[in-house]
Structure formats: structure tokens, C-alpha cells
Amino acid sequence: MFKKILVANRGEIALRVIRAAHELGVQAVAVYSEADRLAPHVMAADEAYLIGPAPSAQSYLRADVLIEVAKKSGAEAIHPGYGFLSERAPFIQAVRDAGLVFIGPSPDAVTAMGDKTAARSRMIDAGVPVVPGTAQALVDAAEARRVAGEIGYPVLLKAAAGGGGKGMRIVASEAEIEKAFDAAGNEAQAAFGDRSVYIEKYLEGPRHIEIQLLADRHGNTLHLGERECSIQRRHQKLIEEAPSAVLTPEERAAMGAMAVAAARAVNYEGAGTVECLYQNGEFYFLEMNTRIQVEHPVTELVTGVDLVQWQIRIAAGEALPFTQDDVRWRGHAIECRITSEDPANSFLPSTGRIRNLVVPSGPGVRWDGGITPGFEVGLSYDPMLAKLIVHAPTRIEAIERMKRALLELRVEGVDTAVPFHLRVMDEPDFRAGTIDIKYLDTHADLLATEPDEALLRAAALAAALLEEERRNQRAVPRVQAGSASASGAAGGGAWRGRAGGWRGR
């Protein structure tokens, strides 16, 4: 096992990785931009290093600086989290060339799955079902028009070099194809530096279901079941759950076997996710994410498997000690992404200083957060502040638990998506599990501009009671093992935290 790793990320995922490392007895090195000096992941780490100004291009995307800090700190490996450099094959190769271990798949596997058209070709060769479309990038709009006519409208134009909804256009008729082709290419160029797009049949109202994988370097590859990720806005996931409300055990086994075959086709190692479209009992490979997913906690809660710890263990050379037959699923888990966005105003980003934060707790409640009171929320990074996850014996019990937890949650200083999540938890179709990727298109009332006064009153009461209880707890004198001040980070650009106290460098 490693003695020390560097976490090349920020926010809640950096804190999540640091905690996993500490539970394995591994020291964790954090990096931070000037905007994140007082972020929770910085405070939780054993060491932290300033790597640049707030813009990610000058800090978290500086591969050379990250590798330099890893070597300077004595870290043996780098965990990328998700986003930023997590799926950049050149970064992975640079980490390896520096004599360090990348906690994740090989650059070849990332390259194979990162190019969506190449991935489609590989999956077809491996016998994995894919949505009808092209396996190569389109030459021009004329080719797009020809292929669309063959497979039938509507079709979907998609960026070959990336995902997340960038470079994606739904085309309903031939009259729209040329304009959509240009728009998708321009957006793909801006997002990924590559304007290549391909085309596939657009399925009307499928479910978005993904399969979690683990693979070690000893030839063991298995799946940990599915996650339902159908509630999306502009191709961005908002609520995830495990298991899906509709899959039968036979369908789960078939989709799991397909995902394992996809991973083996690229000699995958580590934790990864195969995303699928599911409709009327049929499923199709969509893409593979070669990293840990934002929604990984719901799988952890229903399987009892710590995915982040196993990322680290696998990278250190350990073999999985369990087989596919050992994997069991218990209960139901739901995750709500707590973002600094205003759902009543087209989910526009909200900025400001967190004045007060009351985090829900109690049975079956998990908070993966990257904020504290006083934290400044800006526009430099993704708006996700935290993830609220619950686990309960049944799906309905999980929904009720999530409602209770959302009502306890209090984030003052910025607008958040909490009111939206509360409305979804009470919506009849969601409660019945009859959802698909067009859910918000057919439930526009969930994006209501008027707040639910009853919910607001209940939330205020719950938060006030919790705050009163915590004030009473803080009034009890305690003995502290040590204290820390942020001044160390501003001085020498690095500090040593946890048991060692602060030491400026």
C-alpha cells in the first residue's frame, strides 16, 4: 500500500478521497487554488500546496505543477477525482513517466473510451449493443444528412471527443441538419479542442441507466449493479438512485455482463462506469466514464463496497477479494446534487459567501460536502457544493428519508437546488418510478418560480431546531488536541496539517 498520495482535485470529491486514504492509513496531500485556501479538503489533508490563481487553467489543470508537487511532497501516486484531468490520457502518461502511479486506468484505456466513435467501434467488435449510428466522425453536413435519412429522424449529433452534453444537438428533420451540424461542431471545438461529431438514432424517452464496474490487474472484472440517472436537465444529472425501479434481476445480470465485456475489451483497470440507454426491455451502450462518478455513493450504500478505497487498493496492486457471486444489493439509495443554482431562474448559477450551514444527519443520511460557513462560492468552478445521499430498506422509505433530510438542510448565502429536489420527492410519477430522460420536459411545474411556502416553513423550523441543539452542544467545554490557522497557507504556499499542526514552507 502507498504511504502518501496526492489528490489532484478540489471540493467534495477531494475530501472524499482524502477520507478514504486516511481510513487506509495513507497520508493525503491536497492542492488548492487561491480561491480554495480555506476549503474543507485543504483543512483535512496532511499537507496542502498552493498551485495557482482561481481559474482552473492556471491551477487544477496544470499537469506540470501537479506532478511537481507530488514529487516534492513525496507522494507515490496521484488520485484525479473526477473532472479536471481525470480523463486526460496525456496527463496519465506524464504521471507514469514521472515515476508515479496514476490511481485509475491506463492511458490506452482512457484513449479508447474517450473518443466516442472509436469506443463505438470497439464495442461493436466486442458484441456490445450500441444505438444505431456511425462508428466514425462525420465528414460534413452532407454525410450527416445522408446517414440521418438512412436511420430515420429524430437523430442526435454528438461530440466525438467528450461528453457532458457539450457538442450535442437533437435534430428532428432534414431542414435542421446543416445548422445543427455546425453548432455541434463549434461547441465541441470550444469544449474539447476537437470539432468532430458523429450521429446516432435519437431514442424518444429512454431511461439513462449506468453500470458500476471494478477491475483489478489480476484479471478480475465485475459489476456492482446499476444506477438510475434519468432525471437530467440539459444532459446534466440532478438526482440518481440505486437500484433502478424497473430492472428485473435478469436485466441487471445482462446489462452487467455487457458492461464487463466492454471493460475487458479495453483492458480496463480500476473503477469505471458504463452508461446505457434503456427502453422497453432493450438496452444500448452509450459511453464509458473512465473515472469515479459523482453518483458513486448510492452504489456504495446498497452494496457496502467502498469504491474510492478500492480505486486506491487496485492501483497499489491488490486483487479484489470477492467475486461477482459475492455482490449483494440491500435496500435503496438516492442522491440529490446540491448545487449553487437557482431552479426558479433556469438554474442560473448563484454566488456569495456561505453565512450558515446546517447539515442533516440521522439514520441512513450521508453528506458529501465541500463547503463550510464562510466559504466563498464563485463562478470559477462547477456549481456543485455537495451531495446529499440517503439509504433505506425500500424506495419509498428512501424518498421519505430524503425529504426529511432536505428539510433539515440549511445553506444560507447562495441559492441552491434544494426547493427543486423537494418538489421532485413529492411528484407522483417520480414516486411511482415512471421516469425517463424527458422527465423535466413533461414536468415543467417542478421548475416553478414560486416557492412552496409550506415547505419553506417546515425547513426553517427544522433548521432552527437543529441549530439550537448544536448551540447547546457547543456550550459544553471540550479539550482540543490542537488548533490550526489558515495563515500558514498564505505564507510559504504549503502547510502540514492534521496531527502535525501547521508548518509554513
Protein backbone atom coordinates (compact mmCIF):
# COMPACT_ATOMS: atom_id res chain seq x y z
CA MET A 1 0.00 0.00 0.00
CA PHE A 2 1.07 3.57 -0.66
CA LYS A 3 2.35 5.72 2.19
CA LYS A 4 1.26 9.01 0.64
CA ILE A 5 -0.93 10.09 -2.30
CA LEU A 6 -1.71 13.45 -3.88
CA VAL A 7 -5.33 14.36 -4.62
CA ALA A 8 -5.42 16.40 -7.82
CA ASN A 9 -8.87 17.90 -7.33
CA ARG A 10 -10.96 20.13 -5.08
CA GLY A 11 -14.29 20.32 -3.26
CA GLU A 12 -16.31 17.38 -2.06
CA ILE A 13 -14.58 14.76 -4.21
CA ALA A 14 -11.14 15.78 -2.94
CA LEU A 15 -12.41 15.49 0.63
CA ARG A 16 -13.97 12.12 -0.18
CA VAL A 17 -10.65 10.76 -1.48
CA ILE A 18 -8.72 12.17 1.47
CA ARG A 19 -11.04 10.43 3.90
CA ALA A 20 -10.71 7.13 2.02
CA ALA A 21 -6.92 7.44 2.11
CA HIS A 22 -6.86 8.15 5.83
CA GLU A 23 -9.01 5.08 6.54
CA LEU A 24 -6.39 3.03 4.68
CA GLY A 25 -3.62 4.56 6.77
CA VAL A 26 -2.37 6.59 3.79
CA GLN A 27 -1.31 10.23 4.08
CA ALA A 28 -3.05 12.63 1.69
CA VAL A 29 -1.63 15.72 0.02
CA ALA A 30 -4.09 18.38 -1.12
CA VAL A 31 -3.66 21.09 -3.73
CA TYR A 32 -5.60 24.33 -3.78
CA SER A 33 -6.07 27.48 -5.81
CA GLU A 34 -6.14 30.94 -4.30
CA ALA A 35 -9.94 30.69 -4.17
CA ASP A 36 -9.79 27.50 -2.10
CA ARG A 37 -7.38 28.47 0.69
CA LEU A 38 -9.94 27.69 3.40
CA ALA A 39 -11.76 24.83 1.65
CA PRO A 40 -12.55 21.72 3.73
CA HIS A 41 -10.35 19.46 1.61
CA VAL A 42 -7.38 21.71 2.37
CA MET A 43 -8.01 21.53 6.10
CA ALA A 44 -8.47 17.75 6.07
CA ALA A 45 -5.24 16.91 4.29
CA ASP A 46 -1.89 16.08 5.88
CA GLU A 47 -0.21 18.61 3.59
CA ALA A 48 -1.54 21.20 1.16
CA TYR A 49 0.12 23.20 -1.60
CA LEU A 50 -0.95 26.37 -3.37
CA ILE A 51 -0.87 25.74 -7.14
CA GLY A 52 -2.13 28.97 -8.68
CA PRO A 53 -4.93 31.50 -9.15
CA ALA A 54 -8.63 30.62 -9.15
CA PRO A 55 -9.08 29.86 -12.88
CA SER A 56 -8.70 26.12 -13.32
CA ALA A 57 -6.49 26.58 -16.39
CA GLN A 58 -3.95 28.23 -14.07
CA SER A 59 -4.30 25.78 -11.19
CA TYR A 60 -6.15 22.45 -11.23
CA LEU A 61 -5.46 21.86 -14.94
CA ARG A 62 -1.70 22.49 -14.61
CA ALA A 63 -0.43 18.94 -15.07
CA ASP A 64 3.21 20.00 -14.73
CA VAL A 65 2.59 21.75 -11.41
CA LEU A 66 0.57 18.84 -10.02
CA ILE A 67 3.33 16.36 -10.84
CA GLU A 68 5.97 18.71 -9.41
CA VAL A 69 4.01 18.99 -6.14
CA ALA A 70 3.56 15.22 -5.97
CA LYS A 71 7.28 14.65 -6.29
CA LYS A 72 8.16 17.47 -3.89
CA SER A 73 5.78 16.16 -1.23
CA GLY A 74 6.97 12.57 -1.56
CA ALA A 75 3.63 11.28 -2.82
CA GLU A 76 3.83 7.97 -4.63
CA ALA A 77 0.55 8.22 -6.52
CA ILE A 78 -2.00 10.74 -7.81
CA HIS A 79 -5.77 10.37 -7.49
CA PRO A 80 -7.56 12.61 -10.03
CA GLY A 81 -11.11 12.54 -8.61
CA TYR A 82 -13.50 13.42 -11.43
CA GLY A 83 -13.49 16.28 -13.89
CA PHE A 84 -10.35 18.34 -14.50
CA LEU A 85 -7.57 15.93 -15.61
CA SER A 86 -9.25 12.68 -14.61
CA GLU A 87 -9.80 11.51 -18.20
CA ARG A 88 -6.82 13.09 -19.94
CA ALA A 89 -4.58 10.36 -21.33
CA PRO A 90 -1.54 12.69 -21.76
CA PHE A 91 -1.72 13.55 -18.04
CA ILE A 92 -1.87 9.89 -17.09
CA GLN A 93 1.17 9.17 -19.25
CA ALA A 94 3.03 12.14 -17.76
CA VAL A 95 2.30 10.84 -14.26
CA ARG A 96 3.69 7.45 -15.21
CA ASP A 97 6.73 8.98 -16.92
CA ALA A 98 7.48 10.85 -13.69
CA GLY A 99 7.72 7.53 -11.85
CA LEU A 100 4.38 7.98 -10.10
CA VAL A 101 1.25 5.80 -10.04
CA PHE A 102 -1.98 7.11 -11.55
CA ILE A 103 -4.94 5.89 -9.50
CA GLY A 104 -7.13 4.91 -12.40
CA PRO A 105 -6.98 3.20 -15.79
CA SER A 106 -4.16 3.19 -18.32
CA PRO A 107 -3.81 6.00 -20.87
CA ASP A 108 -4.64 3.47 -23.59
CA ALA A 109 -7.97 2.58 -21.94
CA VAL A 110 -8.84 6.25 -21.47
CA THR A 111 -7.98 7.00 -25.10
CA ALA A 112 -10.02 4.04 -26.31
CA MET A 113 -13.12 5.15 -24.43
CA GLY A 114 -12.53 8.90 -24.64
CA ASP A 115 -13.04 9.03 -28.39
CA LYS A 116 -16.73 8.18 -28.64
CA THR A 117 -16.56 6.97 -32.23
CA ALA A 118 -13.57 4.73 -31.54
CA ALA A 119 -15.36 3.40 -28.46
CA ARG A 120 -18.45 2.59 -30.53
CA SER A 121 -16.28 0.65 -32.98
CA ARG A 122 -14.65 -1.33 -30.19
CA MET A 123 -17.99 -2.12 -28.61
CA ILE A 124 -19.42 -3.33 -31.92
CA ASP A 125 -16.37 -5.58 -32.34
CA ALA A 126 -16.89 -6.89 -28.78
CA GLY A 127 -20.54 -7.72 -29.47
CA VAL A 128 -21.86 -4.96 -27.21
CA PRO A 129 -25.19 -3.44 -28.41
CA VAL A 130 -24.92 0.22 -29.43
CA VAL A 131 -27.50 2.76 -30.59
CA PRO A 132 -27.74 2.72 -34.42
CA GLY A 133 -25.49 5.38 -35.96
CA THR A 134 -21.96 5.99 -37.24
CA ALA A 135 -18.79 4.50 -35.82
CA GLN A 136 -16.66 7.30 -37.30
CA ALA A 137 -16.79 11.08 -37.19
CA LEU A 138 -18.91 12.69 -39.90
CA VAL A 139 -17.07 14.32 -42.79
CA ASP A 140 -19.57 17.11 -43.35
CA ALA A 141 -23.22 18.11 -43.11
CA ALA A 142 -24.00 16.27 -46.35
CA GLU A 143 -22.88 12.98 -44.81
CA ALA A 144 -24.91 13.78 -41.69
CA ARG A 145 -27.97 14.33 -43.90
CA ARG A 146 -27.43 11.02 -45.73
CA VAL A 147 -26.96 8.95 -42.54
CA ALA A 148 -29.91 10.62 -40.82
CA GLY A 149 -32.09 9.71 -43.78
CA GLU A 150 -30.99 6.08 -43.50
CA ILE A 151 -31.58 5.61 -39.76
CA GLY A 152 -34.60 7.95 -39.57
CA TYR A 153 -35.33 11.14 -37.67
CA PRO A 154 -35.03 12.25 -34.94
CA VAL A 155 -31.24 11.86 -34.69
CA LEU A 156 -28.60 13.04 -32.23
CA LEU A 157 -25.36 14.77 -33.20
CA LYS A 158 -22.69 14.23 -30.54
CA ALA A 159 -19.11 15.38 -29.97
CA ALA A 160 -16.64 12.56 -30.61
CA ALA A 161 -14.09 13.84 -28.08
CA GLY A 162 -16.19 14.44 -24.97
CA GLY A 163 -19.50 14.30 -23.16
CA GLY A 164 -21.49 16.13 -20.50
CA GLY A 165 -23.95 17.46 -23.08
CA LYS A 166 -21.32 19.58 -24.87
CA GLY A 167 -21.43 19.42 -28.65
CA MET A 168 -24.80 17.69 -28.65
CA ARG A 169 -27.82 18.56 -30.79
CA ILE A 170 -31.17 16.82 -31.31
CA VAL A 171 -32.27 17.05 -34.94
CA ALA A 172 -35.95 16.46 -35.72
CA SER A 173 -35.94 16.94 -39.51
CA GLU A 174 -33.72 17.28 -42.56
CA ALA A 175 -34.25 21.06 -42.59
CA GLU A 176 -32.37 21.36 -39.28
CA ILE A 177 -29.39 19.13 -40.02
CA GLU A 178 -26.91 21.62 -41.50
CA LYS A 179 -27.38 24.27 -38.82
CA ALA A 180 -27.22 21.65 -36.05
CA PHE A 181 -24.07 20.10 -37.53
CA ASP A 182 -22.27 23.46 -37.49
CA ALA A 183 -23.49 24.31 -33.99
CA ALA A 184 -22.48 20.94 -32.53
CA GLY A 185 -19.05 21.16 -34.16
CA ASN A 186 -18.43 24.69 -32.90
CA GLU A 187 -19.43 23.76 -29.36
CA ALA A 188 -17.29 20.60 -29.46
CA GLN A 189 -14.30 22.65 -30.63
CA ALA A 190 -14.74 25.12 -27.77
CA ALA A 191 -15.17 22.42 -25.13
CA PHE A 192 -12.71 19.74 -26.27
CA GLY A 193 -10.47 21.31 -28.91
CA ASP A 194 -11.93 18.91 -31.49
CA ARG A 195 -14.94 19.71 -33.67
CA SER A 196 -15.54 16.09 -34.75
CA VAL A 197 -19.12 14.88 -34.30
CA TYR A 198 -20.91 11.64 -35.04
CA ILE A 199 -24.56 10.72 -35.38
CA GLU A 200 -26.83 8.19 -33.74
CA LYS A 201 -30.55 7.46 -33.62
CA TYR A 202 -32.31 9.60 -31.02
CA LEU A 203 -34.43 7.43 -28.77
CA GLU A 204 -37.62 9.11 -27.58
CA GLY A 205 -37.83 8.96 -23.81
CA PRO A 206 -35.42 6.16 -22.80
CA ARG A 207 -34.10 5.76 -19.27
CA HIS A 208 -30.45 6.57 -18.53
CA ILE A 209 -29.03 3.63 -16.59
CA GLU A 210 -25.37 3.07 -15.80
CA ILE A 211 -23.43 0.07 -14.53
CA GLN A 212 -20.64 0.38 -11.96
CA LEU A 213 -17.50 -1.67 -12.60
CA LEU A 214 -14.39 -2.69 -10.67
CA ALA A 215 -11.41 -4.33 -12.38
CA ASP A 216 -8.01 -5.22 -10.96
CA ARG A 217 -4.74 -6.03 -12.72
CA HIS A 218 -5.08 -9.71 -11.87
CA GLY A 219 -7.83 -10.39 -14.39
CA ASN A 220 -10.84 -9.85 -12.11
CA THR A 221 -13.61 -7.68 -13.55
CA LEU A 222 -17.08 -7.45 -12.02
CA HIS A 223 -20.08 -5.14 -11.83
CA LEU A 224 -21.83 -3.73 -8.79
CA GLY A 225 -25.24 -3.22 -10.34
CA GLU A 226 -26.95 -0.23 -11.82
CA ARG A 227 -27.76 3.37 -11.05
CA GLU A 228 -30.81 5.20 -12.40
CA CYS A 229 -29.73 8.62 -13.69
CA SER A 230 -32.73 9.61 -15.81
CA ILE A 231 -33.60 12.89 -14.07
CA GLN A 232 -31.47 15.32 -16.02
CA ARG A 233 -31.53 18.87 -17.22
CA ARG A 234 -29.65 19.68 -20.43
CA HIS A 235 -27.93 16.29 -20.18
CA GLN A 236 -26.68 17.04 -16.66
CA LYS A 237 -27.75 14.61 -13.95
CA LEU A 238 -29.65 16.02 -10.98
CA ILE A 239 -30.90 13.01 -8.99
CA GLU A 240 -29.53 9.46 -9.02
CA GLU A 241 -30.62 6.28 -7.31
CA ALA A 242 -29.73 2.62 -6.92
CA PRO A 243 -31.13 0.25 -7.88
CA SER A 244 -33.36 1.24 -10.80
CA ALA A 245 -37.08 0.97 -10.12
CA VAL A 246 -37.68 -1.06 -13.32
CA LEU A 247 -34.84 -3.50 -13.97
CA THR A 248 -35.50 -7.17 -13.33
CA PRO A 249 -32.72 -9.35 -11.88
CA GLU A 250 -32.32 -10.90 -15.32
CA GLU A 251 -31.93 -7.48 -16.98
CA ARG A 252 -29.44 -6.41 -14.32
CA ALA A 253 -27.37 -9.53 -14.98
CA ALA A 254 -27.48 -8.98 -18.75
CA MET A 255 -26.53 -5.31 -18.52
CA GLY A 256 -23.80 -6.15 -16.02
CA ALA A 257 -22.35 -8.80 -18.34
CA MET A 258 -22.40 -6.29 -21.19
CA ALA A 259 -20.54 -3.72 -19.07
CA VAL A 260 -17.93 -6.28 -18.04
CA ALA A 261 -17.40 -7.20 -21.70
CA ALA A 262 -16.96 -3.51 -22.55
CA ALA A 263 -14.32 -3.08 -19.83
CA ARG A 264 -12.43 -6.18 -20.85
CA ALA A 265 -12.38 -5.00 -24.47
CA VAL A 266 -10.04 -2.16 -23.44
CA ASN A 267 -8.17 -3.98 -20.63
CA TYR A 268 -9.74 -1.66 -18.09
CA GLU A 269 -8.33 -1.33 -14.56
CA GLY A 270 -9.88 0.48 -11.59
CA ALA A 271 -13.37 1.84 -11.04
CA GLY A 272 -15.39 2.81 -14.10
CA THR A 273 -18.93 3.17 -15.34
CA VAL A 274 -20.68 2.03 -18.49
CA GLU A 275 -23.61 4.29 -19.32
CA CYS A 276 -26.59 2.86 -21.21
CA LEU A 277 -29.91 3.82 -22.67
CA TYR A 278 -32.76 1.50 -21.68
CA GLN A 279 -36.21 1.35 -23.30
CA ASN A 280 -38.88 -1.33 -23.40
CA GLY A 281 -36.57 -4.04 -22.18
CA GLU A 282 -33.79 -3.20 -24.66
CA PHE A 283 -30.51 -1.56 -23.69
CA TYR A 284 -27.67 0.05 -25.63
CA PHE A 285 -24.10 1.08 -24.79
CA LEU A 286 -23.83 4.87 -24.63
CA GLU A 287 -20.31 5.56 -23.35
CA MET A 288 -17.84 4.61 -20.64
CA ASN A 289 -16.64 7.01 -17.97
CA THR A 290 -13.09 6.06 -17.05
CA ARG A 291 -13.15 7.53 -13.54
CA ILE A 292 -15.17 7.57 -10.35
CA GLN A 293 -18.63 9.05 -10.89
CA VAL A 294 -20.31 11.86 -8.95
CA GLU A 295 -23.11 9.43 -8.05
CA HIS A 296 -20.88 6.62 -6.74
CA PRO A 297 -22.22 6.91 -3.14
CA VAL A 298 -25.57 5.31 -3.98
CA THR A 299 -23.77 2.17 -5.16
CA GLU A 300 -21.61 2.18 -2.05
CA LEU A 301 -24.66 2.33 0.18
CA VAL A 302 -26.54 -0.55 -1.46
CA THR A 303 -23.50 -2.84 -1.86
CA GLY A 304 -21.36 -1.93 1.15
CA VAL A 305 -18.31 -1.61 -1.15
CA ASP A 306 -16.10 1.47 -0.72
CA LEU A 307 -15.36 2.32 -4.35
CA VAL A 308 -12.79 5.02 -3.65
CA GLN A 309 -10.82 2.80 -1.30
CA TRP A 310 -10.84 0.09 -3.94
CA GLN A 311 -9.54 2.55 -6.52
CA ILE A 312 -6.54 3.09 -4.27
CA ARG A 313 -6.15 -0.60 -3.40
CA ILE A 314 -6.26 -1.67 -7.05
CA ALA A 315 -3.70 0.98 -8.03
CA ALA A 316 -1.46 -0.35 -5.25
CA GLY A 317 -1.65 -3.81 -6.83
CA GLU A 318 -4.22 -5.52 -4.63
CA ALA A 319 -6.59 -8.12 -6.05
CA LEU A 320 -10.34 -7.96 -5.49
CA PRO A 321 -11.11 -10.38 -2.63
CA PHE A 322 -14.69 -11.02 -3.78
CA THR A 323 -16.32 -12.35 -6.95
CA GLN A 324 -19.46 -11.44 -8.86
CA ASP A 325 -21.42 -14.04 -6.90
CA ASP A 326 -20.46 -12.29 -3.65
CA VAL A 327 -22.03 -8.94 -4.64
CA ARG A 328 -25.34 -8.30 -2.91
CA TRP A 329 -27.70 -5.32 -3.11
CA ARG A 330 -29.54 -4.19 0.02
CA GLY A 331 -32.20 -1.52 0.20
CA HIS A 332 -32.44 1.64 -1.87
CA ALA A 333 -30.28 4.77 -2.06
CA ILE A 334 -30.99 8.21 -3.54
CA GLU A 335 -28.60 11.10 -4.18
CA CYS A 336 -29.51 14.76 -4.72
CA ARG A 337 -26.87 17.08 -6.10
CA ILE A 338 -26.81 20.24 -4.00
CA THR A 339 -25.73 22.91 -6.46
CA SER A 340 -25.38 26.69 -6.16
CA GLU A 341 -28.04 27.26 -8.79
CA ASP A 342 -31.44 28.91 -8.74
CA PRO A 343 -34.02 26.38 -10.03
CA ALA A 344 -36.65 29.13 -10.16
CA ASN A 345 -34.48 31.08 -12.60
CA SER A 346 -33.44 28.49 -15.22
CA PHE A 347 -30.83 27.07 -12.84
CA LEU A 348 -28.62 30.13 -13.22
CA PRO A 349 -25.50 29.99 -11.02
CA SER A 350 -25.68 31.71 -7.66
CA THR A 351 -22.65 33.21 -5.95
CA GLY A 352 -21.91 34.54 -2.49
CA ARG A 353 -20.49 33.65 0.91
CA ILE A 354 -21.92 30.74 2.90
CA ARG A 355 -23.22 32.51 6.00
CA ASN A 356 -24.65 29.47 7.74
CA LEU A 357 -24.71 25.75 7.08
CA VAL A 358 -26.85 23.18 8.89
CA VAL A 359 -26.10 19.66 7.65
CA PRO A 360 -28.75 16.94 8.02
CA SER A 361 -27.93 13.78 9.94
CA GLY A 362 -29.68 10.80 11.49
CA PRO A 363 -30.21 7.21 10.33
CA GLY A 364 -29.34 6.49 6.73
CA VAL A 365 -28.18 10.03 5.85
CA ARG A 366 -24.81 10.81 4.23
CA TRP A 367 -23.44 14.25 3.42
CA ASP A 368 -20.55 14.54 0.97
CA GLY A 369 -19.90 18.26 1.16
CA GLY A 370 -17.17 20.64 0.10
CA ILE A 371 -18.32 23.79 1.86
CA THR A 372 -18.25 25.33 5.34
CA PRO A 373 -19.62 28.57 6.80
CA GLY A 374 -17.56 31.43 5.43
CA PHE A 375 -16.73 29.64 2.18
CA GLU A 376 -16.94 31.90 -0.88
CA VAL A 377 -18.89 30.42 -3.82
CA GLY A 378 -17.76 31.93 -7.11
CA LEU A 379 -18.02 31.21 -10.82
CA SER A 380 -14.61 29.62 -11.34
CA TYR A 381 -15.77 26.04 -10.84
CA ASP A 382 -18.67 23.64 -11.22
CA PRO A 383 -21.68 24.78 -9.13
CA MET A 384 -21.96 21.53 -7.17
CA LEU A 385 -21.46 22.28 -3.49
CA ALA A 386 -22.26 18.87 -2.04
CA LYS A 387 -24.19 15.65 -2.43
CA LEU A 388 -26.94 14.56 -0.08
CA ILE A 389 -27.42 10.79 -0.07
CA VAL A 390 -29.85 8.59 1.84
CA HIS A 391 -30.31 4.84 2.24
CA ALA A 392 -33.40 2.97 3.43
CA PRO A 393 -34.93 -0.53 3.14
CA THR A 394 -37.30 0.43 0.29
CA ARG A 395 -37.51 3.10 -2.40
CA ILE A 396 -40.49 4.85 -0.84
CA GLU A 397 -38.77 4.90 2.54
CA ALA A 398 -35.69 6.36 0.87
CA ILE A 399 -37.81 9.09 -0.73
CA GLU A 400 -39.35 9.98 2.62
CA ARG A 401 -35.91 9.98 4.25
CA MET A 402 -34.58 12.28 1.54
CA LYS A 403 -37.50 14.68 2.12
CA ARG A 404 -36.71 14.77 5.82
CA ALA A 405 -33.02 15.36 5.16
CA LEU A 406 -33.68 18.12 2.61
CA LEU A 407 -35.92 19.88 5.10
CA GLU A 408 -33.14 19.74 7.70
CA LEU A 409 -30.54 21.09 5.28
CA ARG A 410 -29.91 24.80 5.51
CA VAL A 411 -27.49 26.66 3.23
CA GLU A 412 -27.58 30.43 3.70
CA GLY A 413 -25.79 32.85 1.42
CA VAL A 414 -26.47 31.33 -2.01
CA ASP A 415 -29.47 29.90 -3.81
CA THR A 416 -29.46 26.12 -4.10
CA ALA A 417 -31.39 23.37 -5.89
CA VAL A 418 -32.98 22.18 -2.63
CA PRO A 419 -36.52 23.51 -3.42
CA PHE A 420 -36.45 21.65 -6.74
CA HIS A 421 -35.41 18.39 -5.07
CA LEU A 422 -38.20 18.72 -2.52
CA ARG A 423 -40.79 19.13 -5.27
CA VAL A 424 -39.48 16.06 -7.09
CA MET A 425 -39.70 13.91 -3.96
CA ASP A 426 -43.47 14.61 -3.81
CA GLU A 427 -44.17 14.27 -7.55
CA PRO A 428 -46.41 11.21 -8.26
CA ASP A 429 -44.55 9.94 -11.34
CA PHE A 430 -41.21 10.08 -9.57
CA ARG A 431 -42.63 8.28 -6.56
CA ALA A 432 -44.03 5.61 -8.88
CA GLY A 433 -40.67 5.24 -10.64
CA THR A 434 -42.12 6.13 -14.05
CA ILE A 435 -39.30 8.42 -15.16
CA ASP A 436 -37.11 8.85 -18.24
CA ILE A 437 -34.63 11.38 -19.61
CA LYS A 438 -37.50 13.66 -20.73
CA TYR A 439 -38.93 13.78 -17.22
CA LEU A 440 -38.35 17.52 -16.76
CA ASP A 441 -39.71 18.28 -20.22
CA THR A 442 -43.02 16.72 -19.18
CA HIS A 443 -42.97 18.06 -15.62
CA ALA A 444 -42.16 21.72 -16.14
CA ASP A 445 -44.10 22.63 -13.00
CA LEU A 446 -41.18 21.25 -10.97
CA LEU A 447 -39.23 24.29 -12.10
CA ALA A 448 -41.85 26.56 -10.53
CA THR A 449 -40.86 30.14 -9.84
CA GLU A 450 -42.99 30.43 -6.71
CA PRO A 451 -41.55 28.75 -3.60
CA ASP A 452 -43.68 26.28 -1.69
CA GLU A 453 -44.45 28.25 1.47
CA ALA A 454 -45.34 25.15 3.50
CA LEU A 455 -42.04 23.52 2.66
CA LEU A 456 -40.14 26.70 3.44
CA ARG A 457 -41.80 26.99 6.84
CA ALA A 458 -41.08 23.35 7.63
CA ALA A 459 -37.47 23.73 6.52
CA ALA A 460 -36.99 26.86 8.63
CA LEU A 461 -38.44 25.13 11.71
CA ALA A 462 -36.29 22.02 11.24
CA ALA A 463 -33.16 24.10 10.73
CA ALA A 464 -33.89 26.25 13.77
CA LEU A 465 -34.33 23.18 15.99
CA LEU A 466 -31.10 21.66 14.73
CA GLU A 467 -29.18 24.88 15.22
CA GLU A 468 -30.49 25.20 18.77
CA GLU A 469 -29.37 21.66 19.53
CA ARG A 470 -25.90 22.33 18.10
CA ARG A 471 -25.56 25.56 20.06
CA ASN A 472 -26.29 23.60 23.21
CA GLN A 473 -23.66 21.05 22.26
CA ARG A 474 -21.06 23.75 21.57
CA ALA A 475 -21.70 25.20 25.00
CA VAL A 476 -20.21 22.07 26.61
CA PRO A 477 -16.47 22.63 27.30
CA ARG A 478 -14.16 20.30 25.36
CA VAL A 479 -10.45 19.59 25.29
CA GLN A 480 -8.91 20.16 21.85
CA ALA A 481 -5.90 18.21 20.69
CA GLY A 482 -4.66 21.12 18.64
CA SER A 483 -5.68 24.07 16.52
CA ALA A 484 -4.89 25.41 13.10
CA SER A 485 -4.87 28.77 11.37
CA ALA A 486 -5.13 29.49 7.69
CA SER A 487 -2.17 31.86 7.82
CA GLY A 488 0.20 29.01 7.07
CA ALA A 489 -1.30 28.52 3.63
CA ALA A 490 -0.82 32.14 2.70
CA GLY A 491 2.78 32.30 3.84
CA GLY A 492 5.03 29.69 2.25
CA GLY A 493 2.43 28.22 -0.11
CA ALA A 494 2.28 24.90 1.73
CA TRP A 495 1.37 23.63 5.13
CA ARG A 496 1.31 20.45 7.13
CA GLY A 497 -1.98 19.74 8.87
CA ARG A 498 -3.73 17.12 10.98
CA ALA A 499 -1.73 15.80 13.93
CA GLY A 500 1.44 17.63 12.91
CA GLY A 501 -0.07 21.10 13.31
CA TRP A 502 0.73 23.87 10.87
CA ARG A 503 4.14 24.45 9.37
CA GLY A 504 4.64 27.10 6.73
CA ARG A 505 7.09 26.45 3.89
